[in-house]
Amino acid sequence: MYILIIVRSTLTKHNIQSIIHSPYPTRLIPETKDLEKQIITSLVNDLEIAEACGSIGVVVHFGTTKSLDVLEGYKK
């Protein structure tokens, strides 16, 4: 957590805004309930990091699905 305080302080000192990027394995189309829980936990962690750094947001990509039709996956 200490490093996040340094990051926030440095960004504030130099008037820099930041945006956090979620890890690429995170995808918003979970194929199982277990995977859905893991994704939610990961996203909450990303949001907490963004808040600690003073970031204005988190970039998350939709990802892909191997078991659903593309349109069905996006609807989910």
PDB file of N, CA and C in Angstrom:
ATOM      1  N   MET A   1       0.827  -1.200   0.000  1.00  0.00           N
ATOM      2  CA  MET A   1       0.000   0.000   0.000  1.00  0.00           C
ATOM      3  C   MET A   1       0.864   1.255   0.000  1.00  0.00           C
ATOM      4  N   TYR A   2       2.043   1.158   0.587  1.00  0.00           N
ATOM      5  CA  TYR A   2       2.945   2.302   0.671  1.00  0.00           C
ATOM      6  C   TYR A   2       3.288   2.839  -0.713  1.00  0.00           C
ATOM      7  N   ILE A   3       3.529   1.939  -1.661  1.00  0.00           N
ATOM      8  CA  ILE A   3       3.879   2.363  -3.018  1.00  0.00           C
ATOM      9  C   ILE A   3       2.739   3.143  -3.663  1.00  0.00           C
ATOM     10  N   LEU A   4       1.497   2.779  -3.351  1.00  0.00           N
ATOM     11  CA  LEU A   4       0.353   3.489  -3.920  1.00  0.00           C
ATOM     12  C   LEU A   4       0.272   4.912  -3.383  1.00  0.00           C
ATOM     13  N   ILE A   5       0.654   5.099  -2.131  1.00  0.00           N
ATOM     14  CA  ILE A   5       0.683   6.442  -1.538  1.00  0.00           C
ATOM     15  C   ILE A   5       1.728   7.301  -2.256  1.00  0.00           C
ATOM     16  N   ILE A   6       2.883   6.711  -2.544  1.00  0.00           N
ATOM     17  CA  ILE A   6       3.932   7.429  -3.271  1.00  0.00           C
ATOM     18  C   ILE A   6       3.451   7.786  -4.682  1.00  0.00           C
ATOM     19  N   VAL A   7       2.809   6.829  -5.343  1.00  0.00           N
ATOM     20  CA  VAL A   7       2.292   7.077  -6.696  1.00  0.00           C
ATOM     21  C   VAL A   7       1.300   8.227  -6.667  1.00  0.00           C
ATOM     22  N   ARG A   8       0.341   8.162  -5.756  1.00  0.00           N
ATOM     23  CA  ARG A   8      -0.680   9.217  -5.666  1.00  0.00           C
ATOM     24  C   ARG A   8      -0.047  10.571  -5.384  1.00  0.00           C
ATOM     25  N   SER A   9       0.887  10.602  -4.459  1.00  0.00           N
ATOM     26  CA  SER A   9       1.567  11.840  -4.093  1.00  0.00           C
ATOM     27  C   SER A   9       2.317  12.436  -5.288  1.00  0.00           C
ATOM     28  N   THR A  10       3.020  11.586  -6.013  1.00  0.00           N
ATOM     29  CA  THR A  10       3.789  12.045  -7.177  1.00  0.00           C
ATOM     30  C   THR A  10       2.873  12.571  -8.275  1.00  0.00           C
ATOM     31  N   LEU A  11       1.806  11.847  -8.547  1.00  0.00           N
ATOM     32  CA  LEU A  11       0.858  12.282  -9.571  1.00  0.00           C
ATOM     33  C   LEU A  11       0.217  13.611  -9.194  1.00  0.00           C
ATOM     34  N   THR A  12      -0.155  13.757  -7.934  1.00  0.00           N
ATOM     35  CA  THR A  12      -0.769  14.995  -7.456  1.00  0.00           C
ATOM     36  C   THR A  12       0.227  16.151  -7.540  1.00  0.00           C
ATOM     37  N   LYS A  13       1.440  15.899  -7.099  1.00  0.00           N
ATOM     38  CA  LYS A  13       2.492  16.932  -7.102  1.00  0.00           C
ATOM     39  C   LYS A  13       2.720  17.489  -8.504  1.00  0.00           C
ATOM     40  N   HIS A  14       2.672  16.632  -9.502  1.00  0.00           N
ATOM     41  CA  HIS A  14       2.943  17.044 -10.882  1.00  0.00           C
ATOM     42  C   HIS A  14       1.670  17.263 -11.697  1.00  0.00           C
ATOM     43  N   ASN A  15       0.527  17.276 -11.017  1.00  0.00           N
ATOM     44  CA  ASN A  15      -0.767  17.516 -11.652  1.00  0.00           C
ATOM     45  C   ASN A  15      -1.008  16.568 -12.838  1.00  0.00           C
ATOM     46  N   ILE A  16      -0.770  15.276 -12.600  1.00  0.00           N
ATOM     47  CA  ILE A  16      -0.949  14.254 -13.628  1.00  0.00           C
ATOM     48  C   ILE A  16      -2.167  13.406 -13.275  1.00  0.00           C
ATOM     49  N   GLN A  17      -3.051  13.212 -14.246  1.00  0.00           N
ATOM     50  CA  GLN A  17      -4.183  12.311 -14.051  1.00  0.00           C
ATOM     51  C   GLN A  17      -3.812  10.949 -14.625  1.00  0.00           C
ATOM     52  N   SER A  18      -4.278   9.893 -13.972  1.00  0.00           N
ATOM     53  CA  SER A  18      -3.964   8.547 -14.448  1.00  0.00           C
ATOM     54  C   SER A  18      -5.238   7.726 -14.594  1.00  0.00           C
ATOM     55  N   ILE A  19      -5.113   6.693 -15.421  1.00  0.00           N
ATOM     56  CA  ILE A  19      -6.173   5.708 -15.609  1.00  0.00           C
ATOM     57  C   ILE A  19      -5.512   4.343 -15.454  1.00  0.00           C
ATOM     58  N   ILE A  20      -6.106   3.477 -14.659  1.00  0.00           N
ATOM     59  CA  ILE A  20      -5.582   2.140 -14.425  1.00  0.00           C
ATOM     60  C   ILE A  20      -6.086   1.211 -15.529  1.00  0.00           C
ATOM     61  N   HIS A  21      -5.274   0.235 -15.903  1.00  0.00           N
ATOM     62  CA  HIS A  21      -5.690  -0.764 -16.899  1.00  0.00           C
ATOM     63  C   HIS A  21      -5.803  -2.114 -16.199  1.00  0.00           C
ATOM     64  N   SER A  22      -6.990  -2.702 -16.278  1.00  0.00           N
ATOM     65  CA  SER A  22      -7.210  -4.029 -15.698  1.00  0.00           C
ATOM     66  C   SER A  22      -6.345  -5.050 -16.441  1.00  0.00           C
ATOM     67  N   PRO A  23      -5.901  -6.117 -15.770  1.00  0.00           N
ATOM     68  CA  PRO A  23      -5.103  -7.136 -16.465  1.00  0.00           C
ATOM     69  C   PRO A  23      -5.861  -7.716 -17.661  1.00  0.00           C
ATOM     70  N   TYR A  24      -5.135  -8.042 -18.719  1.00  0.00           N
ATOM     71  CA  TYR A  24      -5.777  -8.570 -19.927  1.00  0.00           C
ATOM     72  C   TYR A  24      -6.573  -9.865 -19.693  1.00  0.00           C
ATOM     73  N   PRO A  25      -6.160 -10.762 -18.785  1.00  0.00           N
ATOM     74  CA  PRO A  25      -6.985 -11.959 -18.571  1.00  0.00           C
ATOM     75  C   PRO A  25      -8.386 -11.668 -18.028  1.00  0.00           C
ATOM     76  N   THR A  26      -8.591 -10.476 -17.441  1.00  0.00           N
ATOM     77  CA  THR A  26      -9.921 -10.118 -16.951  1.00  0.00           C
ATOM     78  C   THR A  26     -10.839  -9.916 -18.147  1.00  0.00           C
ATOM     79  N   ARG A  27     -11.943 -10.608 -18.136  1.00  0.00           N
ATOM     80  CA  ARG A  27     -12.904 -10.434 -19.222  1.00  0.00           C
ATOM     81  C   ARG A  27     -14.305 -10.369 -18.630  1.00  0.00           C
ATOM     82  N   LEU A  28     -15.150  -9.622 -19.248  1.00  0.00           N
ATOM     83  CA  LEU A  28     -16.486  -9.373 -18.709  1.00  0.00           C
ATOM     84  C   LEU A  28     -17.523 -10.378 -19.180  1.00  0.00           C
ATOM     85  N   ILE A  29     -17.076 -11.459 -19.800  1.00  0.00           N
ATOM     86  CA  ILE A  29     -18.006 -12.494 -20.267  1.00  0.00           C
ATOM     87  C   ILE A  29     -17.631 -13.811 -19.577  1.00  0.00           C
ATOM     88  N   PRO A  30     -17.990 -13.959 -18.299  1.00  0.00           N
ATOM     89  CA  PRO A  30     -17.634 -15.197 -17.601  1.00  0.00           C
ATOM     90  C   PRO A  30     -18.433 -16.383 -18.119  1.00  0.00           C
ATOM     91  N   GLU A  31     -17.786 -17.523 -18.164  1.00  0.00           N
ATOM     92  CA  GLU A  31     -18.454 -18.724 -18.679  1.00  0.00           C
ATOM     93  C   GLU A  31     -18.963 -19.633 -17.566  1.00  0.00           C
ATOM     94  N   THR A  32     -18.524 -19.381 -16.333  1.00  0.00           N
ATOM     95  CA  THR A  32     -19.012 -20.149 -15.183  1.00  0.00           C
ATOM     96  C   THR A  32     -19.229 -19.199 -14.008  1.00  0.00           C
ATOM     97  N   LYS A  33     -19.984 -19.637 -13.015  1.00  0.00           N
ATOM     98  CA  LYS A  33     -20.218 -18.820 -11.818  1.00  0.00           C
ATOM     99  C   LYS A  33     -18.914 -18.608 -11.035  1.00  0.00           C
ATOM    100  N   ASP A  34     -18.065 -19.634 -10.971  1.00  0.00           N
ATOM    101  CA  ASP A  34     -16.776 -19.487 -10.287  1.00  0.00           C
ATOM    102  C   ASP A  34     -15.926 -18.420 -10.961  1.00  0.00           C
ATOM    103  N   LEU A  35     -15.876 -18.455 -12.275  1.00  0.00           N
ATOM    104  CA  LEU A  35     -15.108 -17.465 -13.019  1.00  0.00           C
ATOM    105  C   LEU A  35     -15.707 -16.075 -12.829  1.00  0.00           C
ATOM    106  N   GLU A  36     -17.020 -15.988 -12.776  1.00  0.00           N
ATOM    107  CA  GLU A  36     -17.688 -14.705 -12.551  1.00  0.00           C
ATOM    108  C   GLU A  36     -17.268 -14.119 -11.201  1.00  0.00           C
ATOM    109  N   LYS A  37     -17.216 -14.942 -10.160  1.00  0.00           N
ATOM    110  CA  LYS A  37     -16.796 -14.481  -8.836  1.00  0.00           C
ATOM    111  C   LYS A  37     -15.344 -14.001  -8.858  1.00  0.00           C
ATOM    112  N   GLN A  38     -14.480 -14.724  -9.561  1.00  0.00           N
ATOM    113  CA  GLN A  38     -13.066 -14.329  -9.661  1.00  0.00           C
ATOM    114  C   GLN A  38     -12.928 -12.994 -10.393  1.00  0.00           C
ATOM    115  N   ILE A  39     -13.701 -12.812 -11.441  1.00  0.00           N
ATOM    116  CA  ILE A  39     -13.654 -11.571 -12.211  1.00  0.00           C
ATOM    117  C   ILE A  39     -14.123 -10.402 -11.357  1.00  0.00           C
ATOM    118  N   ILE A  40     -15.199 -10.581 -10.617  1.00  0.00           N
ATOM    119  CA  ILE A  40     -15.711  -9.520  -9.749  1.00  0.00           C
ATOM    120  C   ILE A  40     -14.672  -9.157  -8.696  1.00  0.00           C
ATOM    121  N   THR A  41     -14.050 -10.149  -8.081  1.00  0.00           N
ATOM    122  CA  THR A  41     -13.007  -9.901  -7.081  1.00  0.00           C
ATOM    123  C   THR A  41     -11.847  -9.116  -7.691  1.00  0.00           C
ATOM    124  N   SER A  42     -11.432  -9.520  -8.892  1.00  0.00           N
ATOM    125  CA  SER A  42     -10.339  -8.837  -9.577  1.00  0.00           C
ATOM    126  C   SER A  42     -10.704  -7.389  -9.901  1.00  0.00           C
ATOM    127  N   LEU A  43     -11.926  -7.163 -10.379  1.00  0.00           N
ATOM    128  CA  LEU A  43     -12.358  -5.804 -10.724  1.00  0.00           C
ATOM    129  C   LEU A  43     -12.455  -4.912  -9.495  1.00  0.00           C
ATOM    130  N   VAL A  44     -12.951  -5.456  -8.396  1.00  0.00           N
ATOM    131  CA  VAL A  44     -13.005  -4.687  -7.148  1.00  0.00           C
ATOM    132  C   VAL A  44     -11.588  -4.297  -6.723  1.00  0.00           C
ATOM    133  N   ASN A  45     -10.654  -5.228  -6.835  1.00  0.00           N
ATOM    134  CA  ASN A  45      -9.255  -4.944  -6.517  1.00  0.00           C
ATOM    135  C   ASN A  45      -8.714  -3.827  -7.413  1.00  0.00           C
ATOM    136  N   ASP A  46      -9.012  -3.899  -8.706  1.00  0.00           N
ATOM    137  CA  ASP A  46      -8.562  -2.863  -9.641  1.00  0.00           C
ATOM    138  C   ASP A  46      -9.128  -1.496  -9.260  1.00  0.00           C
ATOM    139  N   LEU A  47     -10.394  -1.464  -8.883  1.00  0.00           N
ATOM    140  CA  LEU A  47     -11.023  -0.205  -8.472  1.00  0.00           C
ATOM    141  C   LEU A  47     -10.396   0.343  -7.197  1.00  0.00           C
ATOM    142  N   GLU A  48     -10.061  -0.541  -6.261  1.00  0.00           N
ATOM    143  CA  GLU A  48      -9.414  -0.109  -5.020  1.00  0.00           C
ATOM    144  C   GLU A  48      -8.026   0.471  -5.303  1.00  0.00           C
ATOM    145  N   ILE A  49      -7.288  -0.153  -6.206  1.00  0.00           N
ATOM    146  CA  ILE A  49      -5.970   0.359  -6.595  1.00  0.00           C
ATOM    147  C   ILE A  49      -6.122   1.721  -7.263  1.00  0.00           C
ATOM    148  N   ALA A  50      -7.091   1.831  -8.167  1.00  0.00           N
ATOM    149  CA  ALA A  50      -7.331   3.101  -8.856  1.00  0.00           C
ATOM    150  C   ALA A  50      -7.650   4.206  -7.853  1.00  0.00           C
ATOM    151  N   GLU A  51      -8.490   3.903  -6.882  1.00  0.00           N
ATOM    152  CA  GLU A  51      -8.847   4.900  -5.865  1.00  0.00           C
ATOM    153  C   GLU A  51      -7.630   5.291  -5.035  1.00  0.00           C
ATOM    154  N   ALA A  52      -6.832   4.307  -4.638  1.00  0.00           N
ATOM    155  CA  ALA A  52      -5.647   4.583  -3.825  1.00  0.00           C
ATOM    156  C   ALA A  52      -4.636   5.448  -4.573  1.00  0.00           C
ATOM    157  N   CYS A  53      -4.566   5.285  -5.900  1.00  0.00           N
ATOM    158  CA  CYS A  53      -3.635   6.070  -6.722  1.00  0.00           C
ATOM    159  C   CYS A  53      -4.220   7.419  -7.129  1.00  0.00           C
ATOM    160  N   GLY A  54      -5.502   7.615  -6.875  1.00  0.00           N
ATOM    161  CA  GLY A  54      -6.158   8.842  -7.311  1.00  0.00           C
ATOM    162  C   GLY A  54      -6.482   8.834  -8.793  1.00  0.00           C
ATOM    163  N   SER A  55      -6.554   7.658  -9.378  1.00  0.00           N
ATOM    164  CA  SER A  55      -6.852   7.530 -10.803  1.00  0.00           C
ATOM    165  C   SER A  55      -8.305   7.887 -11.083  1.00  0.00           C
ATOM    166  N   ILE A  56      -8.566   8.280 -12.329  1.00  0.00           N
ATOM    167  CA  ILE A  56      -9.931   8.697 -12.679  1.00  0.00           C
ATOM    168  C   ILE A  56     -10.781   7.545 -13.194  1.00  0.00           C
ATOM    169  N   GLY A  57     -10.188   6.370 -13.367  1.00  0.00           N
ATOM    170  CA  GLY A  57     -10.968   5.240 -13.834  1.00  0.00           C
ATOM    171  C   GLY A  57     -10.129   4.011 -14.101  1.00  0.00           C
ATOM    172  N   VAL A  58     -10.820   2.963 -14.575  1.00  0.00           N
ATOM    173  CA  VAL A  58     -10.180   1.685 -14.894  1.00  0.00           C
ATOM    174  C   VAL A  58     -10.635   1.259 -16.293  1.00  0.00           C
ATOM    175  N   VAL A  59      -9.682   0.908 -17.149  1.00  0.00           N
ATOM    176  CA  VAL A  59      -9.990   0.395 -18.484  1.00  0.00           C
ATOM    177  C   VAL A  59     -10.130  -1.117 -18.382  1.00  0.00           C
ATOM    178  N   VAL A  60     -11.254  -1.639 -18.877  1.00  0.00           N
ATOM    179  CA  VAL A  60     -11.493  -3.083 -18.893  1.00  0.00           C
ATOM    180  C   VAL A  60     -12.019  -3.445 -20.279  1.00  0.00           C
ATOM    181  N   HIS A  61     -11.463  -4.482 -20.880  1.00  0.00           N
ATOM    182  CA  HIS A  61     -11.917  -4.930 -22.194  1.00  0.00           C
ATOM    183  C   HIS A  61     -12.965  -6.026 -22.026  1.00  0.00           C
ATOM    184  N   PHE A  62     -13.881  -6.124 -22.976  1.00  0.00           N
ATOM    185  CA  PHE A  62     -14.921  -7.139 -22.914  1.00  0.00           C
ATOM    186  C   PHE A  62     -14.357  -8.549 -22.875  1.00  0.00           C
ATOM    187  N   GLY A  63     -13.317  -8.795 -23.633  1.00  0.00           N
ATOM    188  CA  GLY A  63     -12.763 -10.141 -23.700  1.00  0.00           C
ATOM    189  C   GLY A  63     -13.500 -10.976 -24.734  1.00  0.00           C
ATOM    190  N   THR A  64     -13.285 -12.272 -24.662  1.00  0.00           N
ATOM    191  CA  THR A  64     -13.907 -13.177 -25.621  1.00  0.00           C
ATOM    192  C   THR A  64     -14.570 -14.324 -24.882  1.00  0.00           C
ATOM    193  N   THR A  65     -15.358 -15.064 -25.612  1.00  0.00           N
ATOM    194  CA  THR A  65     -15.984 -16.257 -25.057  1.00  0.00           C
ATOM    195  C   THR A  65     -15.744 -17.414 -26.017  1.00  0.00           C
ATOM    196  N   LYS A  66     -15.499 -18.574 -25.453  1.00  0.00           N
ATOM    197  CA  LYS A  66     -15.255 -19.755 -26.282  1.00  0.00           C
ATOM    198  C   LYS A  66     -16.489 -20.637 -26.401  1.00  0.00           C
ATOM    199  N   SER A  67     -17.433 -20.451 -25.479  1.00  0.00           N
ATOM    200  CA  SER A  67     -18.577 -21.360 -25.478  1.00  0.00           C
ATOM    201  C   SER A  67     -19.898 -20.690 -25.890  1.00  0.00           C
ATOM    202  N   LEU A  68     -19.901 -19.372 -26.018  1.00  0.00           N
ATOM    203  CA  LEU A  68     -21.126 -18.668 -26.383  1.00  0.00           C
ATOM    204  C   LEU A  68     -20.981 -18.021 -27.757  1.00  0.00           C
ATOM    205  N   ASP A  69     -22.100 -17.820 -28.424  1.00  0.00           N
ATOM    206  CA  ASP A  69     -22.134 -17.021 -29.637  1.00  0.00           C
ATOM    207  C   ASP A  69     -21.690 -15.605 -29.265  1.00  0.00           C
ATOM    208  N   VAL A  70     -20.995 -14.917 -30.154  1.00  0.00           N
ATOM    209  CA  VAL A  70     -20.456 -13.582 -29.863  1.00  0.00           C
ATOM    210  C   VAL A  70     -21.541 -12.635 -29.370  1.00  0.00           C
ATOM    211  N   LEU A  71     -22.666 -12.539 -30.068  1.00  0.00           N
ATOM    212  CA  LEU A  71     -23.751 -11.655 -29.676  1.00  0.00           C
ATOM    213  C   LEU A  71     -24.322 -12.048 -28.323  1.00  0.00           C
ATOM    214  N   GLU A  72     -24.478 -13.338 -28.094  1.00  0.00           N
ATOM    215  CA  GLU A  72     -24.984 -13.834 -26.807  1.00  0.00           C
ATOM    216  C   GLU A  72     -24.011 -13.459 -25.678  1.00  0.00           C
ATOM    217  N   GLY A  73     -22.735 -13.561 -25.946  1.00  0.00           N
ATOM    218  CA  GLY A  73     -21.725 -13.192 -24.954  1.00  0.00           C
ATOM    219  C   GLY A  73     -21.804 -11.727 -24.575  1.00  0.00           C
ATOM    220  N   TYR A  74     -21.974 -10.837 -25.551  1.00  0.00           N
ATOM    221  CA  TYR A  74     -22.065  -9.409 -25.260  1.00  0.00           C
ATOM    222  C   TYR A  74     -23.351  -9.072 -24.515  1.00  0.00           C
ATOM    223  N   LYS A  75     -24.430  -9.798 -24.801  1.00  0.00           N
ATOM    224  CA  LYS A  75     -25.673  -9.570 -24.073  1.00  0.00           C
ATOM    225  C   LYS A  75     -25.552  -9.946 -22.615  1.00  0.00           C
ATOM    226  N   LYS A  76     -24.721 -10.967 -22.347  1.00  0.00           N
ATOM    227  CA  LYS A  76     -24.537 -11.450 -20.991  1.00  0.00           C
ATOM    228  C   LYS A  76     -23.833 -10.394 -20.171  1.00  0.00           C
TER     229      LYS A  76
END
